Amino acid sequence: MSSPSLPDSVKANIEAYFSDLDGTDPANMHDMLMRVVEKPLLEVVMHRAQHNQSRAAQWLGLNRNTLRKKLLEHGLLDG
């Protein structure tokens, strides 16, 4: 038995989010989802890259300075 695909997992979680809202209108979903997904993405990539920011930035397709800024925003680096 294989795991669900990433898009299927995201879709299922968004459907669950709407269900949890129980009819209440959502707000700022795009920003919320990007922040919720971005932090674990950065955590896993940084771990897999052995905390090498240049390598992680390359894997993510980001400029190293942009990666550093995002790591700081998510509290994943000491200022």
PDB file of N, CA and C in Angstrom:
ATOM      1  N   MET A   1       0.859  -1.183   0.000  1.00  0.00           N
ATOM      2  CA  MET A   1       0.000   0.000   0.000  1.00  0.00           C
ATOM      3  C   MET A   1       0.896   1.235   0.000  1.00  0.00           C
ATOM      4  N   SER A   2       0.690   2.107  -0.977  1.00  0.00           N
ATOM      5  CA  SER A   2       1.531   3.290  -1.069  1.00  0.00           C
ATOM      6  C   SER A   2       0.880   4.478  -0.361  1.00  0.00           C
ATOM      7  N   SER A   3       1.722   5.431  -0.015  1.00  0.00           N
ATOM      8  CA  SER A   3       1.236   6.650   0.636  1.00  0.00           C
ATOM      9  C   SER A   3       0.515   7.514  -0.385  1.00  0.00           C
ATOM     10  N   PRO A   4      -0.422   8.338   0.073  1.00  0.00           N
ATOM     11  CA  PRO A   4      -1.079   9.251  -0.872  1.00  0.00           C
ATOM     12  C   PRO A   4      -0.056  10.239  -1.424  1.00  0.00           C
ATOM     13  N   SER A   5      -0.310  10.735  -2.616  1.00  0.00           N
ATOM     14  CA  SER A   5       0.590  11.720  -3.212  1.00  0.00           C
ATOM     15  C   SER A   5       0.532  13.023  -2.411  1.00  0.00           C
ATOM     16  N   LEU A   6       1.541  13.838  -2.574  1.00  0.00           N
ATOM     17  CA  LEU A   6       1.582  15.123  -1.874  1.00  0.00           C
ATOM     18  C   LEU A   6       0.355  15.980  -2.213  1.00  0.00           C
ATOM     19  N   PRO A   7       0.015  16.133  -3.508  1.00  0.00           N
ATOM     20  CA  PRO A   7      -1.197  16.916  -3.807  1.00  0.00           C
ATOM     21  C   PRO A   7      -2.463  16.327  -3.174  1.00  0.00           C
ATOM     22  N   ASP A   8      -2.570  14.988  -3.161  1.00  0.00           N
ATOM     23  CA  ASP A   8      -3.751  14.368  -2.531  1.00  0.00           C
ATOM     24  C   ASP A   8      -3.785  14.627  -1.025  1.00  0.00           C
ATOM     25  N   SER A   9      -2.622  14.588  -0.391  1.00  0.00           N
ATOM     26  CA  SER A   9      -2.541  14.871   1.044  1.00  0.00           C
ATOM     27  C   SER A   9      -2.927  16.313   1.342  1.00  0.00           C
ATOM     28  N   VAL A  10      -2.433  17.238   0.523  1.00  0.00           N
ATOM     29  CA  VAL A  10      -2.762  18.656   0.710  1.00  0.00           C
ATOM     30  C   VAL A  10      -4.255  18.864   0.528  1.00  0.00           C
ATOM     31  N   LYS A  11      -4.804  18.292  -0.538  1.00  0.00           N
ATOM     32  CA  LYS A  11      -6.238  18.442  -0.810  1.00  0.00           C
ATOM     33  C   LYS A  11      -7.069  17.901   0.355  1.00  0.00           C
ATOM     34  N   ALA A  12      -6.723  16.727   0.852  1.00  0.00           N
ATOM     35  CA  ALA A  12      -7.469  16.127   1.968  1.00  0.00           C
ATOM     36  C   ALA A  12      -7.406  17.012   3.206  1.00  0.00           C
ATOM     37  N   ASN A  13      -6.247  17.606   3.464  1.00  0.00           N
ATOM     38  CA  ASN A  13      -6.112  18.474   4.635  1.00  0.00           C
ATOM     39  C   ASN A  13      -6.876  19.784   4.470  1.00  0.00           C
ATOM     40  N   ILE A  14      -6.924  20.305   3.255  1.00  0.00           N
ATOM     41  CA  ILE A  14      -7.710  21.526   3.015  1.00  0.00           C
ATOM     42  C   ILE A  14      -9.196  21.217   3.180  1.00  0.00           C
ATOM     43  N   GLU A  15      -9.633  20.065   2.682  1.00  0.00           N
ATOM     44  CA  GLU A  15     -11.031  19.661   2.871  1.00  0.00           C
ATOM     45  C   GLU A  15     -11.342  19.513   4.365  1.00  0.00           C
ATOM     46  N   ALA A  16     -10.428  18.937   5.124  1.00  0.00           N
ATOM     47  CA  ALA A  16     -10.627  18.781   6.571  1.00  0.00           C
ATOM     48  C   ALA A  16     -10.690  20.150   7.249  1.00  0.00           C
ATOM     49  N   TYR A  17      -9.863  21.086   6.785  1.00  0.00           N
ATOM     50  CA  TYR A  17      -9.872  22.448   7.331  1.00  0.00           C
ATOM     51  C   TYR A  17     -11.253  23.080   7.134  1.00  0.00           C
ATOM     52  N   PHE A  18     -11.803  22.958   5.913  1.00  0.00           N
ATOM     53  CA  PHE A  18     -13.144  23.501   5.657  1.00  0.00           C
ATOM     54  C   PHE A  18     -14.187  22.807   6.531  1.00  0.00           C
ATOM     55  N   SER A  19     -14.047  21.523   6.700  1.00  0.00           N
ATOM     56  CA  SER A  19     -14.978  20.792   7.553  1.00  0.00           C
ATOM     57  C   SER A  19     -14.905  21.295   8.991  1.00  0.00           C
ATOM     58  N   ASP A  20     -13.684  21.520   9.473  1.00  0.00           N
ATOM     59  CA  ASP A  20     -13.496  22.026  10.836  1.00  0.00           C
ATOM     60  C   ASP A  20     -14.082  23.425  11.016  1.00  0.00           C
ATOM     61  N   LEU A  21     -14.099  24.199   9.924  1.00  0.00           N
ATOM     62  CA  LEU A  21     -14.673  25.550  10.021  1.00  0.00           C
ATOM     63  C   LEU A  21     -16.183  25.516  10.231  1.00  0.00           C
ATOM     64  N   ASP A  22     -16.801  24.403   9.866  1.00  0.00           N
ATOM     65  CA  ASP A  22     -18.232  24.199  10.101  1.00  0.00           C
ATOM     66  C   ASP A  22     -19.084  25.361   9.600  1.00  0.00           C
ATOM     67  N   GLY A  23     -18.802  25.784   8.345  1.00  0.00           N
ATOM     68  CA  GLY A  23     -19.610  26.835   7.731  1.00  0.00           C
ATOM     69  C   GLY A  23     -19.082  28.240   7.918  1.00  0.00           C
ATOM     70  N   THR A  24     -18.116  28.432   8.814  1.00  0.00           N
ATOM     71  CA  THR A  24     -17.520  29.754   8.996  1.00  0.00           C
ATOM     72  C   THR A  24     -16.647  30.061   7.783  1.00  0.00           C
ATOM     73  N   ASP A  25     -16.705  31.292   7.285  1.00  0.00           N
ATOM     74  CA  ASP A  25     -15.890  31.669   6.138  1.00  0.00           C
ATOM     75  C   ASP A  25     -14.420  31.736   6.527  1.00  0.00           C
ATOM     76  N   PRO A  26     -13.551  31.150   5.711  1.00  0.00           N
ATOM     77  CA  PRO A  26     -12.108  31.234   5.988  1.00  0.00           C
ATOM     78  C   PRO A  26     -11.582  32.624   5.637  1.00  0.00           C
ATOM     79  N   ALA A  27     -10.402  32.938   6.150  1.00  0.00           N
ATOM     80  CA  ALA A  27      -9.760  34.217   5.833  1.00  0.00           C
ATOM     81  C   ALA A  27      -8.264  33.993   5.647  1.00  0.00           C
ATOM     82  N   ASN A  28      -7.693  34.701   4.710  1.00  0.00           N
ATOM     83  CA  ASN A  28      -6.244  34.666   4.477  1.00  0.00           C
ATOM     84  C   ASN A  28      -5.699  33.250   4.303  1.00  0.00           C
ATOM     85  N   MET A  29      -6.434  32.422   3.602  1.00  0.00           N
ATOM     86  CA  MET A  29      -6.037  31.018   3.447  1.00  0.00           C
ATOM     87  C   MET A  29      -4.700  30.848   2.737  1.00  0.00           C
ATOM     88  N   HIS A  30      -4.473  31.625   1.705  1.00  0.00           N
ATOM     89  CA  HIS A  30      -3.225  31.460   0.949  1.00  0.00           C
ATOM     90  C   HIS A  30      -2.030  31.718   1.842  1.00  0.00           C
ATOM     91  N   ASP A  31      -2.031  32.816   2.546  1.00  0.00           N
ATOM     92  CA  ASP A  31      -0.911  33.151   3.445  1.00  0.00           C
ATOM     93  C   ASP A  31      -0.764  32.087   4.530  1.00  0.00           C
ATOM     94  N   MET A  32      -1.873  31.670   5.114  1.00  0.00           N
ATOM     95  CA  MET A  32      -1.840  30.663   6.168  1.00  0.00           C
ATOM     96  C   MET A  32      -1.248  29.348   5.647  1.00  0.00           C
ATOM     97  N   LEU A  33      -1.710  28.923   4.498  1.00  0.00           N
ATOM     98  CA  LEU A  33      -1.231  27.661   3.940  1.00  0.00           C
ATOM     99  C   LEU A  33       0.248  27.738   3.580  1.00  0.00           C
ATOM    100  N   MET A  34       0.672  28.836   2.983  1.00  0.00           N
ATOM    101  CA  MET A  34       2.079  28.981   2.618  1.00  0.00           C
ATOM    102  C   MET A  34       2.973  28.928   3.858  1.00  0.00           C
ATOM    103  N   ARG A  35       2.558  29.590   4.922  1.00  0.00           N
ATOM    104  CA  ARG A  35       3.365  29.583   6.150  1.00  0.00           C
ATOM    105  C   ARG A  35       3.364  28.201   6.808  1.00  0.00           C
ATOM    106  N   VAL A  36       2.226  27.542   6.799  1.00  0.00           N
ATOM    107  CA  VAL A  36       2.126  26.221   7.424  1.00  0.00           C
ATOM    108  C   VAL A  36       2.966  25.191   6.666  1.00  0.00           C
ATOM    109  N   VAL A  37       3.009  25.294   5.354  1.00  0.00           N
ATOM    110  CA  VAL A  37       3.757  24.342   4.533  1.00  0.00           C
ATOM    111  C   VAL A  37       5.239  24.700   4.483  1.00  0.00           C
ATOM    112  N   GLU A  38       5.538  25.992   4.470  1.00  0.00           N
ATOM    113  CA  GLU A  38       6.921  26.425   4.284  1.00  0.00           C
ATOM    114  C   GLU A  38       7.840  26.012   5.439  1.00  0.00           C
ATOM    115  N   LYS A  39       7.385  26.129   6.664  1.00  0.00           N
ATOM    116  CA  LYS A  39       8.260  25.816   7.795  1.00  0.00           C
ATOM    117  C   LYS A  39       8.706  24.356   7.801  1.00  0.00           C
ATOM    118  N   PRO A  40       7.786  23.373   7.699  1.00  0.00           N
ATOM    119  CA  PRO A  40       8.267  21.994   7.670  1.00  0.00           C
ATOM    120  C   PRO A  40       9.104  21.690   6.431  1.00  0.00           C
ATOM    121  N   LEU A  41       8.808  22.331   5.309  1.00  0.00           N
ATOM    122  CA  LEU A  41       9.637  22.159   4.115  1.00  0.00           C
ATOM    123  C   LEU A  41      11.066  22.594   4.407  1.00  0.00           C
ATOM    124  N   LEU A  42      11.209  23.764   5.005  1.00  0.00           N
ATOM    125  CA  LEU A  42      12.541  24.272   5.334  1.00  0.00           C
ATOM    126  C   LEU A  42      13.241  23.381   6.357  1.00  0.00           C
ATOM    127  N   GLU A  43      12.497  22.914   7.346  1.00  0.00           N
ATOM    128  CA  GLU A  43      13.096  22.040   8.364  1.00  0.00           C
ATOM    129  C   GLU A  43      13.651  20.762   7.739  1.00  0.00           C
ATOM    130  N   VAL A  44      12.866  20.127   6.893  1.00  0.00           N
ATOM    131  CA  VAL A  44      13.290  18.865   6.289  1.00  0.00           C
ATOM    132  C   VAL A  44      14.461  19.092   5.336  1.00  0.00           C
ATOM    133  N   VAL A  45      14.362  20.110   4.497  1.00  0.00           N
ATOM    134  CA  VAL A  45      15.435  20.369   3.532  1.00  0.00           C
ATOM    135  C   VAL A  45      16.732  20.736   4.252  1.00  0.00           C
ATOM    136  N   MET A  46      16.637  21.564   5.278  1.00  0.00           N
ATOM    137  CA  MET A  46      17.855  21.932   6.006  1.00  0.00           C
ATOM    138  C   MET A  46      18.476  20.702   6.669  1.00  0.00           C
ATOM    139  N   HIS A  47      17.660  19.836   7.228  1.00  0.00           N
ATOM    140  CA  HIS A  47      18.175  18.609   7.835  1.00  0.00           C
ATOM    141  C   HIS A  47      18.852  17.745   6.775  1.00  0.00           C
ATOM    142  N   ARG A  48      18.176  17.546   5.647  1.00  0.00           N
ATOM    143  CA  ARG A  48      18.721  16.703   4.582  1.00  0.00           C
ATOM    144  C   ARG A  48      19.988  17.299   3.964  1.00  0.00           C
ATOM    145  N   ALA A  49      20.082  18.632   3.965  1.00  0.00           N
ATOM    146  CA  ALA A  49      21.267  19.313   3.430  1.00  0.00           C
ATOM    147  C   ALA A  49      22.329  19.498   4.506  1.00  0.00           C
ATOM    148  N   GLN A  50      22.123  18.873   5.651  1.00  0.00           N
ATOM    149  CA  GLN A  50      23.052  18.958   6.784  1.00  0.00           C
ATOM    150  C   GLN A  50      23.325  20.422   7.168  1.00  0.00           C
ATOM    151  N   HIS A  51      22.269  21.222   7.107  1.00  0.00           N
ATOM    152  CA  HIS A  51      22.276  22.646   7.475  1.00  0.00           C
ATOM    153  C   HIS A  51      23.198  23.492   6.600  1.00  0.00           C
ATOM    154  N   ASN A  52      23.506  22.986   5.423  1.00  0.00           N
ATOM    155  CA  ASN A  52      24.290  23.747   4.454  1.00  0.00           C
ATOM    156  C   ASN A  52      23.310  24.624   3.675  1.00  0.00           C
ATOM    157  N   GLN A  53      23.321  25.939   3.979  1.00  0.00           N
ATOM    158  CA  GLN A  53      22.349  26.849   3.389  1.00  0.00           C
ATOM    159  C   GLN A  53      22.503  26.967   1.881  1.00  0.00           C
ATOM    160  N   SER A  54      23.715  26.926   1.387  1.00  0.00           N
ATOM    161  CA  SER A  54      23.924  27.027  -0.063  1.00  0.00           C
ATOM    162  C   SER A  54      23.300  25.831  -0.775  1.00  0.00           C
ATOM    163  N   ARG A  55      23.535  24.643  -0.243  1.00  0.00           N
ATOM    164  CA  ARG A  55      22.954  23.429  -0.836  1.00  0.00           C
ATOM    165  C   ARG A  55      21.433  23.464  -0.737  1.00  0.00           C
ATOM    166  N   ALA A  56      20.921  23.812   0.435  1.00  0.00           N
ATOM    167  CA  ALA A  56      19.471  23.860   0.621  1.00  0.00           C
ATOM    168  C   ALA A  56      18.833  24.872  -0.323  1.00  0.00           C
ATOM    169  N   ALA A  57      19.452  26.028  -0.465  1.00  0.00           N
ATOM    170  CA  ALA A  57      18.923  27.057  -1.367  1.00  0.00           C
ATOM    171  C   ALA A  57      18.884  26.537  -2.800  1.00  0.00           C
ATOM    172  N   GLN A  58      19.917  25.834  -3.195  1.00  0.00           N
ATOM    173  CA  GLN A  58      19.957  25.277  -4.546  1.00  0.00           C
ATOM    174  C   GLN A  58      18.830  24.260  -4.734  1.00  0.00           C
ATOM    175  N   TRP A  59      18.649  23.367  -3.764  1.00  0.00           N
ATOM    176  CA  TRP A  59      17.585  22.366  -3.851  1.00  0.00           C
ATOM    177  C   TRP A  59      16.207  23.017  -3.954  1.00  0.00           C
ATOM    178  N   LEU A  60      16.030  24.125  -3.227  1.00  0.00           N
ATOM    179  CA  LEU A  60      14.739  24.807  -3.194  1.00  0.00           C
ATOM    180  C   LEU A  60      14.531  25.756  -4.366  1.00  0.00           C
ATOM    181  N   GLY A  61      15.608  26.026  -5.094  1.00  0.00           N
ATOM    182  CA  GLY A  61      15.507  26.985  -6.195  1.00  0.00           C
ATOM    183  C   GLY A  61      15.399  28.416  -5.702  1.00  0.00           C
ATOM    184  N   LEU A  62      16.036  28.672  -4.563  1.00  0.00           N
ATOM    185  CA  LEU A  62      16.013  29.998  -3.958  1.00  0.00           C
ATOM    186  C   LEU A  62      17.417  30.589  -3.923  1.00  0.00           C
ATOM    187  N   ASN A  63      17.480  31.899  -3.856  1.00  0.00           N
ATOM    188  CA  ASN A  63      18.728  32.584  -3.566  1.00  0.00           C
ATOM    189  C   ASN A  63      19.066  32.298  -2.104  1.00  0.00           C
ATOM    190  N   ARG A  64      20.342  32.145  -1.786  1.00  0.00           N
ATOM    191  CA  ARG A  64      20.742  31.838  -0.414  1.00  0.00           C
ATOM    192  C   ARG A  64      20.265  32.903   0.566  1.00  0.00           C
ATOM    193  N   ASN A  65      20.295  34.175   0.165  1.00  0.00           N
ATOM    194  CA  ASN A  65      19.820  35.243   1.051  1.00  0.00           C
ATOM    195  C   ASN A  65      18.313  35.128   1.300  1.00  0.00           C
ATOM    196  N   THR A  66      17.579  34.725   0.277  1.00  0.00           N
ATOM    197  CA  THR A  66      16.135  34.522   0.445  1.00  0.00           C
ATOM    198  C   THR A  66      15.879  33.369   1.411  1.00  0.00           C
ATOM    199  N   LEU A  67      16.636  32.293   1.258  1.00  0.00           N
ATOM    200  CA  LEU A  67      16.498  31.163   2.185  1.00  0.00           C
ATOM    201  C   LEU A  67      16.788  31.619   3.606  1.00  0.00           C
ATOM    202  N   ARG A  68      17.860  32.348   3.793  1.00  0.00           N
ATOM    203  CA  ARG A  68      18.230  32.825   5.125  1.00  0.00           C
ATOM    204  C   ARG A  68      17.108  33.669   5.733  1.00  0.00           C
ATOM    205  N   LYS A  69      16.530  34.551   4.923  1.00  0.00           N
ATOM    206  CA  LYS A  69      15.424  35.395   5.389  1.00  0.00           C
ATOM    207  C   LYS A  69      14.241  34.531   5.835  1.00  0.00           C
ATOM    208  N   LYS A  70      13.914  33.504   5.057  1.00  0.00           N
ATOM    209  CA  LYS A  70      12.799  32.624   5.401  1.00  0.00           C
ATOM    210  C   LYS A  70      13.099  31.812   6.658  1.00  0.00           C
ATOM    211  N   LEU A  71      14.339  31.363   6.799  1.00  0.00           N
ATOM    212  CA  LEU A  71      14.727  30.632   8.015  1.00  0.00           C
ATOM    213  C   LEU A  71      14.580  31.514   9.249  1.00  0.00           C
ATOM    214  N   LEU A  72      14.964  32.762   9.135  1.00  0.00           N
ATOM    215  CA  LEU A  72      14.823  33.704  10.250  1.00  0.00           C
ATOM    216  C   LEU A  72      13.342  33.962  10.571  1.00  0.00           C
ATOM    217  N   GLU A  73      12.525  34.148   9.519  1.00  0.00           N
ATOM    218  CA  GLU A  73      11.095  34.409   9.696  1.00  0.00           C
ATOM    219  C   GLU A  73      10.402  33.261  10.436  1.00  0.00           C
ATOM    220  N   HIS A  74      10.864  32.043  10.202  1.00  0.00           N
ATOM    221  CA  HIS A  74      10.242  30.873  10.827  1.00  0.00           C
ATOM    222  C   HIS A  74      10.941  30.464  12.123  1.00  0.00           C
ATOM    223  N   GLY A  75      11.890  31.269  12.575  1.00  0.00           N
ATOM    224  CA  GLY A  75      12.571  30.974  13.821  1.00  0.00           C
ATOM    225  C   GLY A  75      13.478  29.760  13.737  1.00  0.00           C
ATOM    226  N   LEU A  76      13.989  29.486  12.549  1.00  0.00           N
ATOM    227  CA  LEU A  76      14.836  28.325  12.339  1.00  0.00           C
ATOM    228  C   LEU A  76      16.320  28.676  12.339  1.00  0.00           C
ATOM    229  N   LEU A  77      16.627  29.955  12.562  1.00  0.00           N
ATOM    230  CA  LEU A  77      18.002  30.441  12.667  1.00  0.00           C
ATOM    231  C   LEU A  77      18.071  31.452  13.782  1.00  0.00           C
ATOM    232  N   ASP A  78      19.195  31.498  14.451  1.00  0.00           N
ATOM    233  CA  ASP A  78      19.427  32.567  15.422  1.00  0.00           C
ATOM    234  C   ASP A  78      19.818  33.815  14.642  1.00  0.00           C
ATOM    235  N   GLY A  79      19.253  34.949  15.027  1.00  0.00           N
ATOM    236  CA  GLY A  79      19.517  36.204  14.343  1.00  0.00           C
ATOM    237  C   GLY A  79      20.928  36.560  14.357  1.00  0.00           C
TER     238      GLY A  79
END
